[in-house]
Amino acid sequence: MCLFCSIVNGEIPSNKILENDDFIAFHDINPKAPIHILIIPKIHFDSLQTVNPEIMAKMTPFIQEVAKLVGVDKTGYRVISNVGEDGGQEVKHLHIHLLGGTKLHFGHFHDADPKNNL
């Protein structure tokens, strides 16, 4: 069983922000911004590439509600989903990162030279 499925099943504790029948939102244990929330479906999907569109349609308003609860809905936030090894995905369970609480920069992208990727 994957790490996030264990969180869904209550086997591993998490600092939850919001939960409903379909999704859980909780604080990331290794935050990259003052606000760093992970949002996951309770049903296991390996990544954004394998999820069905109906789940994503339901996930969007859940993400928006989380943004309101943590107070970044008006100031702005970033949502990220890493897909696969080359995309930087570490846990093979669809998860959306919601980052905010400060002026966000592009991190490792700010000095990236696209010529190095050709």
N, C-alpha and C. Protein backbone atom coordinates (compact mmCIF):
# COMPACT_ATOMS: atom_id res chain seq x y z
N MET A 1 0.84 -1.17 0.00
CA MET A 1 0.00 0.00 0.00
C MET A 1 0.89 1.24 0.00
N CYS A 2 0.48 2.28 -0.74
CA CYS A 2 1.31 3.48 -0.83
C CYS A 2 1.13 4.36 0.41
N LEU A 3 2.06 5.29 0.58
CA LEU A 3 2.06 6.20 1.71
C LEU A 3 0.73 6.96 1.84
N PHE A 4 0.25 7.52 0.74
CA PHE A 4 -0.97 8.32 0.82
C PHE A 4 -2.21 7.46 1.05
N CYS A 5 -2.23 6.24 0.55
CA CYS A 5 -3.33 5.32 0.87
C CYS A 5 -3.35 5.02 2.36
N SER A 6 -2.17 4.91 2.96
CA SER A 6 -2.09 4.70 4.41
C SER A 6 -2.62 5.90 5.19
N ILE A 7 -2.41 7.11 4.67
CA ILE A 7 -2.98 8.30 5.29
C ILE A 7 -4.49 8.28 5.15
N VAL A 8 -4.99 7.95 3.96
CA VAL A 8 -6.44 7.86 3.73
C VAL A 8 -7.07 6.86 4.70
N ASN A 9 -6.42 5.73 4.93
CA ASN A 9 -6.94 4.68 5.81
C ASN A 9 -6.73 4.97 7.30
N GLY A 10 -6.10 6.08 7.63
CA GLY A 10 -5.88 6.44 9.02
C GLY A 10 -4.74 5.71 9.69
N GLU A 11 -3.93 5.00 8.91
CA GLU A 11 -2.81 4.24 9.46
C GLU A 11 -1.61 5.14 9.75
N ILE A 12 -1.52 6.25 9.05
CA ILE A 12 -0.46 7.23 9.26
C ILE A 12 -1.15 8.56 9.54
N PRO A 13 -0.77 9.23 10.62
CA PRO A 13 -1.42 10.51 10.94
C PRO A 13 -1.01 11.62 9.97
N SER A 14 -1.89 12.60 9.82
CA SER A 14 -1.58 13.77 9.01
C SER A 14 -2.23 14.98 9.66
N ASN A 15 -1.71 16.14 9.37
CA ASN A 15 -2.24 17.38 9.88
C ASN A 15 -3.27 17.90 8.87
N LYS A 16 -4.50 17.39 8.98
CA LYS A 16 -5.55 17.66 7.99
C LYS A 16 -6.05 19.09 8.06
N ILE A 17 -6.33 19.61 6.87
CA ILE A 17 -6.95 20.91 6.70
C ILE A 17 -8.44 20.73 6.41
N LEU A 18 -8.74 19.78 5.52
CA LEU A 18 -10.10 19.55 5.06
C LEU A 18 -10.21 18.11 4.57
N GLU A 19 -11.39 17.54 4.76
CA GLU A 19 -11.66 16.18 4.28
C GLU A 19 -13.12 16.09 3.91
N ASN A 20 -13.40 15.37 2.82
CA ASN A 20 -14.77 15.02 2.48
C ASN A 20 -14.78 13.56 2.04
N ASP A 21 -15.84 13.12 1.41
CA ASP A 21 -15.94 11.71 1.01
C ASP A 21 -14.92 11.31 -0.05
N ASP A 22 -14.43 12.29 -0.82
CA ASP A 22 -13.57 11.98 -1.96
C ASP A 22 -12.10 12.39 -1.81
N PHE A 23 -11.82 13.40 -0.96
CA PHE A 23 -10.49 13.99 -0.92
C PHE A 23 -10.05 14.31 0.50
N ILE A 24 -8.74 14.43 0.66
CA ILE A 24 -8.14 14.89 1.92
C ILE A 24 -7.10 15.95 1.56
N ALA A 25 -7.05 17.01 2.36
CA ALA A 25 -6.01 18.03 2.24
C ALA A 25 -5.27 18.09 3.57
N PHE A 26 -3.95 18.07 3.52
CA PHE A 26 -3.15 18.09 4.74
C PHE A 26 -1.82 18.81 4.48
N HIS A 27 -1.21 19.28 5.57
CA HIS A 27 0.07 19.98 5.47
C HIS A 27 1.17 19.03 5.00
N ASP A 28 2.01 19.52 4.09
CA ASP A 28 3.18 18.77 3.65
C ASP A 28 4.20 18.75 4.80
N ILE A 29 4.84 17.60 5.03
CA ILE A 29 5.80 17.51 6.13
C ILE A 29 7.14 18.16 5.79
N ASN A 30 7.34 18.49 4.51
CA ASN A 30 8.58 19.14 4.07
C ASN A 30 8.19 20.36 3.24
N PRO A 31 7.64 21.40 3.88
CA PRO A 31 7.08 22.53 3.13
C PRO A 31 8.12 23.32 2.33
N LYS A 32 7.70 23.76 1.15
CA LYS A 32 8.53 24.57 0.27
C LYS A 32 8.07 26.02 0.24
N ALA A 33 7.05 26.34 1.01
CA ALA A 33 6.50 27.70 1.12
C ALA A 33 5.83 27.80 2.48
N PRO A 34 5.51 29.01 2.94
CA PRO A 34 4.84 29.14 4.23
C PRO A 34 3.54 28.32 4.31
N ILE A 35 2.83 28.25 3.21
CA ILE A 35 1.66 27.37 3.12
C ILE A 35 1.97 26.34 2.05
N HIS A 36 1.98 25.08 2.45
CA HIS A 36 2.23 23.98 1.52
C HIS A 36 1.31 22.83 1.91
N ILE A 37 0.24 22.70 1.14
CA ILE A 37 -0.79 21.70 1.41
C ILE A 37 -0.76 20.64 0.31
N LEU A 38 -0.95 19.40 0.68
CA LEU A 38 -1.12 18.31 -0.28
C LEU A 38 -2.60 17.96 -0.34
N ILE A 39 -3.10 17.80 -1.54
CA ILE A 39 -4.50 17.44 -1.76
C ILE A 39 -4.52 16.15 -2.55
N ILE A 40 -5.18 15.13 -1.99
CA ILE A 40 -5.17 13.81 -2.63
C ILE A 40 -6.59 13.26 -2.74
N PRO A 41 -6.84 12.48 -3.79
CA PRO A 41 -8.10 11.74 -3.82
C PRO A 41 -7.99 10.53 -2.90
N LYS A 42 -9.10 10.13 -2.34
CA LYS A 42 -9.09 8.94 -1.48
C LYS A 42 -8.94 7.66 -2.29
N ILE A 43 -9.39 7.70 -3.52
CA ILE A 43 -9.20 6.56 -4.43
C ILE A 43 -7.80 6.68 -5.03
N HIS A 44 -7.08 5.57 -5.08
CA HIS A 44 -5.71 5.59 -5.60
C HIS A 44 -5.70 5.72 -7.12
N PHE A 45 -4.97 6.75 -7.59
CA PHE A 45 -4.57 6.90 -8.98
C PHE A 45 -3.08 7.17 -8.92
N ASP A 46 -2.31 6.57 -9.81
CA ASP A 46 -0.86 6.76 -9.77
C ASP A 46 -0.45 8.21 -9.98
N SER A 47 -1.14 8.92 -10.88
CA SER A 47 -0.75 10.30 -11.19
C SER A 47 -1.86 11.00 -11.95
N LEU A 48 -1.61 12.24 -12.29
CA LEU A 48 -2.53 13.01 -13.11
C LEU A 48 -2.75 12.34 -14.46
N GLN A 49 -1.75 11.63 -14.93
CA GLN A 49 -1.84 10.97 -16.23
C GLN A 49 -2.85 9.82 -16.23
N THR A 50 -3.12 9.23 -15.07
CA THR A 50 -4.01 8.06 -15.03
C THR A 50 -5.38 8.34 -14.42
N VAL A 51 -5.59 9.54 -13.88
CA VAL A 51 -6.85 9.85 -13.21
C VAL A 51 -7.95 10.09 -14.25
N ASN A 52 -9.20 9.75 -13.87
CA ASN A 52 -10.28 10.02 -14.80
C ASN A 52 -10.77 11.46 -14.63
N PRO A 53 -11.27 12.06 -15.70
CA PRO A 53 -11.66 13.48 -15.67
C PRO A 53 -12.74 13.81 -14.64
N GLU A 54 -13.59 12.87 -14.31
CA GLU A 54 -14.64 13.13 -13.32
C GLU A 54 -14.06 13.43 -11.94
N ILE A 55 -12.99 12.75 -11.59
CA ILE A 55 -12.33 13.01 -10.30
C ILE A 55 -11.75 14.42 -10.29
N MET A 56 -11.09 14.80 -11.38
CA MET A 56 -10.50 16.14 -11.45
C MET A 56 -11.58 17.22 -11.42
N ALA A 57 -12.72 16.96 -12.03
CA ALA A 57 -13.82 17.93 -12.00
C ALA A 57 -14.31 18.15 -10.57
N LYS A 58 -14.30 17.10 -9.77
CA LYS A 58 -14.70 17.23 -8.37
C LYS A 58 -13.57 17.79 -7.50
N MET A 59 -12.33 17.57 -7.93
CA MET A 59 -11.19 18.02 -7.14
C MET A 59 -11.01 19.54 -7.22
N THR A 60 -11.35 20.13 -8.35
CA THR A 60 -11.17 21.58 -8.53
C THR A 60 -11.88 22.40 -7.45
N PRO A 61 -13.18 22.21 -7.20
CA PRO A 61 -13.80 23.00 -6.14
C PRO A 61 -13.26 22.69 -4.75
N PHE A 62 -12.78 21.47 -4.54
CA PHE A 62 -12.16 21.11 -3.26
C PHE A 62 -10.88 21.92 -3.07
N ILE A 63 -10.06 22.01 -4.12
CA ILE A 63 -8.83 22.81 -4.04
C ILE A 63 -9.17 24.27 -3.76
N GLN A 64 -10.18 24.78 -4.43
CA GLN A 64 -10.60 26.17 -4.21
C GLN A 64 -11.04 26.40 -2.77
N GLU A 65 -11.74 25.43 -2.21
CA GLU A 65 -12.18 25.54 -0.81
C GLU A 65 -10.99 25.53 0.15
N VAL A 66 -10.01 24.67 -0.14
CA VAL A 66 -8.80 24.64 0.69
C VAL A 66 -8.09 25.99 0.62
N ALA A 67 -7.98 26.56 -0.57
CA ALA A 67 -7.32 27.87 -0.72
C ALA A 67 -8.02 28.93 0.13
N LYS A 68 -9.34 28.88 0.19
CA LYS A 68 -10.09 29.83 1.03
C LYS A 68 -9.81 29.58 2.50
N LEU A 69 -9.81 28.32 2.90
CA LEU A 69 -9.59 27.98 4.31
C LEU A 69 -8.22 28.44 4.82
N VAL A 70 -7.21 28.35 3.98
CA VAL A 70 -5.87 28.74 4.42
C VAL A 70 -5.54 30.19 4.08
N GLY A 71 -6.51 30.90 3.48
CA GLY A 71 -6.39 32.33 3.28
C GLY A 71 -5.56 32.80 2.11
N VAL A 72 -5.44 31.98 1.06
CA VAL A 72 -4.67 32.42 -0.10
C VAL A 72 -5.53 32.61 -1.35
N ASP A 73 -6.84 32.46 -1.20
CA ASP A 73 -7.73 32.58 -2.35
C ASP A 73 -7.70 33.97 -2.97
N LYS A 74 -7.43 34.99 -2.18
CA LYS A 74 -7.41 36.37 -2.70
C LYS A 74 -5.98 36.83 -3.05
N THR A 75 -4.99 36.35 -2.32
CA THR A 75 -3.61 36.79 -2.54
C THR A 75 -2.90 36.01 -3.63
N GLY A 76 -3.32 34.77 -3.85
CA GLY A 76 -2.74 33.94 -4.89
C GLY A 76 -2.02 32.72 -4.35
N TYR A 77 -1.92 31.73 -5.20
CA TYR A 77 -1.29 30.47 -4.84
C TYR A 77 -0.91 29.72 -6.11
N ARG A 78 -0.15 28.66 -5.94
CA ARG A 78 0.28 27.83 -7.05
C ARG A 78 -0.19 26.40 -6.79
N VAL A 79 -0.64 25.72 -7.84
CA VAL A 79 -0.95 24.30 -7.74
C VAL A 79 -0.02 23.55 -8.70
N ILE A 80 0.51 22.45 -8.19
CA ILE A 80 1.48 21.66 -8.95
C ILE A 80 1.13 20.19 -8.80
N SER A 81 1.22 19.47 -9.90
CA SER A 81 1.15 18.01 -9.85
C SER A 81 2.33 17.46 -10.64
N ASN A 82 3.25 16.82 -9.96
CA ASN A 82 4.38 16.19 -10.62
C ASN A 82 3.94 14.83 -11.14
N VAL A 83 4.34 14.52 -12.37
CA VAL A 83 3.93 13.26 -12.99
C VAL A 83 5.17 12.47 -13.41
N GLY A 84 5.31 11.28 -12.85
CA GLY A 84 6.38 10.38 -13.24
C GLY A 84 7.76 10.81 -12.75
N GLU A 85 8.70 9.94 -12.98
CA GLU A 85 10.07 10.16 -12.50
C GLU A 85 10.69 11.43 -13.07
N ASP A 86 10.57 11.65 -14.38
CA ASP A 86 11.15 12.84 -14.98
C ASP A 86 10.44 14.12 -14.52
N GLY A 87 9.19 14.01 -14.11
CA GLY A 87 8.45 15.15 -13.61
C GLY A 87 8.68 15.43 -12.13
N GLY A 88 9.44 14.57 -11.47
CA GLY A 88 9.76 14.78 -10.06
C GLY A 88 8.77 14.18 -9.08
N GLN A 89 7.91 13.27 -9.56
CA GLN A 89 6.93 12.65 -8.65
C GLN A 89 7.64 11.68 -7.72
N GLU A 90 7.44 11.87 -6.41
CA GLU A 90 8.09 11.02 -5.42
C GLU A 90 7.14 9.97 -4.85
N VAL A 91 5.87 10.30 -4.71
CA VAL A 91 4.87 9.34 -4.21
C VAL A 91 3.93 9.02 -5.36
N LYS A 92 3.82 7.75 -5.68
CA LYS A 92 3.00 7.31 -6.81
C LYS A 92 1.53 7.22 -6.43
N HIS A 93 0.98 8.35 -6.03
CA HIS A 93 -0.45 8.53 -5.74
C HIS A 93 -0.72 9.97 -6.13
N LEU A 94 -1.70 10.18 -6.98
CA LEU A 94 -2.01 11.54 -7.42
C LEU A 94 -2.08 12.47 -6.24
N HIS A 95 -1.33 13.56 -6.30
CA HIS A 95 -1.41 14.59 -5.27
C HIS A 95 -1.13 15.94 -5.90
N ILE A 96 -1.84 16.92 -5.41
CA ILE A 96 -1.70 18.29 -5.86
C ILE A 96 -1.05 19.08 -4.72
N HIS A 97 0.00 19.80 -5.04
CA HIS A 97 0.62 20.70 -4.08
C HIS A 97 -0.05 22.06 -4.21
N LEU A 98 -0.50 22.62 -3.11
CA LEU A 98 -1.00 23.99 -3.07
C LEU A 98 0.01 24.78 -2.26
N LEU A 99 0.66 25.75 -2.91
CA LEU A 99 1.70 26.55 -2.28
C LEU A 99 1.28 28.01 -2.25
N GLY A 100 1.56 28.68 -1.14
CA GLY A 100 1.23 30.10 -1.05
C GLY A 100 1.76 30.69 0.24
N GLY A 101 1.21 31.86 0.57
CA GLY A 101 1.62 32.54 1.79
C GLY A 101 2.78 33.48 1.63
N THR A 102 3.29 33.61 0.40
CA THR A 102 4.40 34.52 0.09
C THR A 102 4.41 34.73 -1.41
N LYS A 103 5.19 35.69 -1.84
CA LYS A 103 5.40 35.89 -3.28
C LYS A 103 6.24 34.72 -3.78
N LEU A 104 5.66 33.89 -4.63
CA LEU A 104 6.34 32.69 -5.09
C LEU A 104 7.18 32.99 -6.33
N HIS A 105 8.36 32.40 -6.37
CA HIS A 105 9.24 32.50 -7.53
C HIS A 105 9.24 31.14 -8.23
N PHE A 106 9.92 31.05 -9.33
CA PHE A 106 9.94 29.79 -10.05
C PHE A 106 11.04 28.85 -9.59
N GLY A 107 11.69 29.17 -8.49
CA GLY A 107 12.67 28.26 -7.90
C GLY A 107 13.74 27.85 -8.88
N HIS A 108 13.87 26.56 -9.11
CA HIS A 108 14.94 26.07 -9.96
C HIS A 108 14.75 26.46 -11.42
N PHE A 109 13.61 27.02 -11.79
CA PHE A 109 13.39 27.45 -13.16
C PHE A 109 13.95 28.84 -13.44
N HIS A 110 14.16 29.65 -12.40
CA HIS A 110 14.55 31.04 -12.64
C HIS A 110 15.89 31.18 -13.36
N ASP A 111 16.77 30.24 -13.19
CA ASP A 111 18.06 30.33 -13.84
C ASP A 111 18.29 29.18 -14.84
N ALA A 112 17.23 28.48 -15.18
CA ALA A 112 17.37 27.34 -16.10
C ALA A 112 17.70 27.84 -17.50
N ASP A 113 18.60 27.15 -18.15
CA ASP A 113 18.96 27.46 -19.53
C ASP A 113 18.32 26.39 -20.41
N PRO A 114 17.32 26.78 -21.22
CA PRO A 114 16.62 25.77 -22.04
C PRO A 114 17.55 25.03 -22.99
N LYS A 115 18.70 25.62 -23.34
CA LYS A 115 19.65 24.94 -24.23
C LYS A 115 20.17 23.65 -23.59
N ASN A 116 20.16 23.60 -22.26
CA ASN A 116 20.65 22.39 -21.58
C ASN A 116 19.67 21.24 -21.70
N ASN A 117 18.45 21.52 -22.16
CA ASN A 117 17.43 20.48 -22.28
C ASN A 117 17.22 20.02 -23.71
N LEU A 118 18.03 20.47 -24.62
CA LEU A 118 17.87 20.08 -26.04
C LEU A 118 18.72 18.91 -26.38
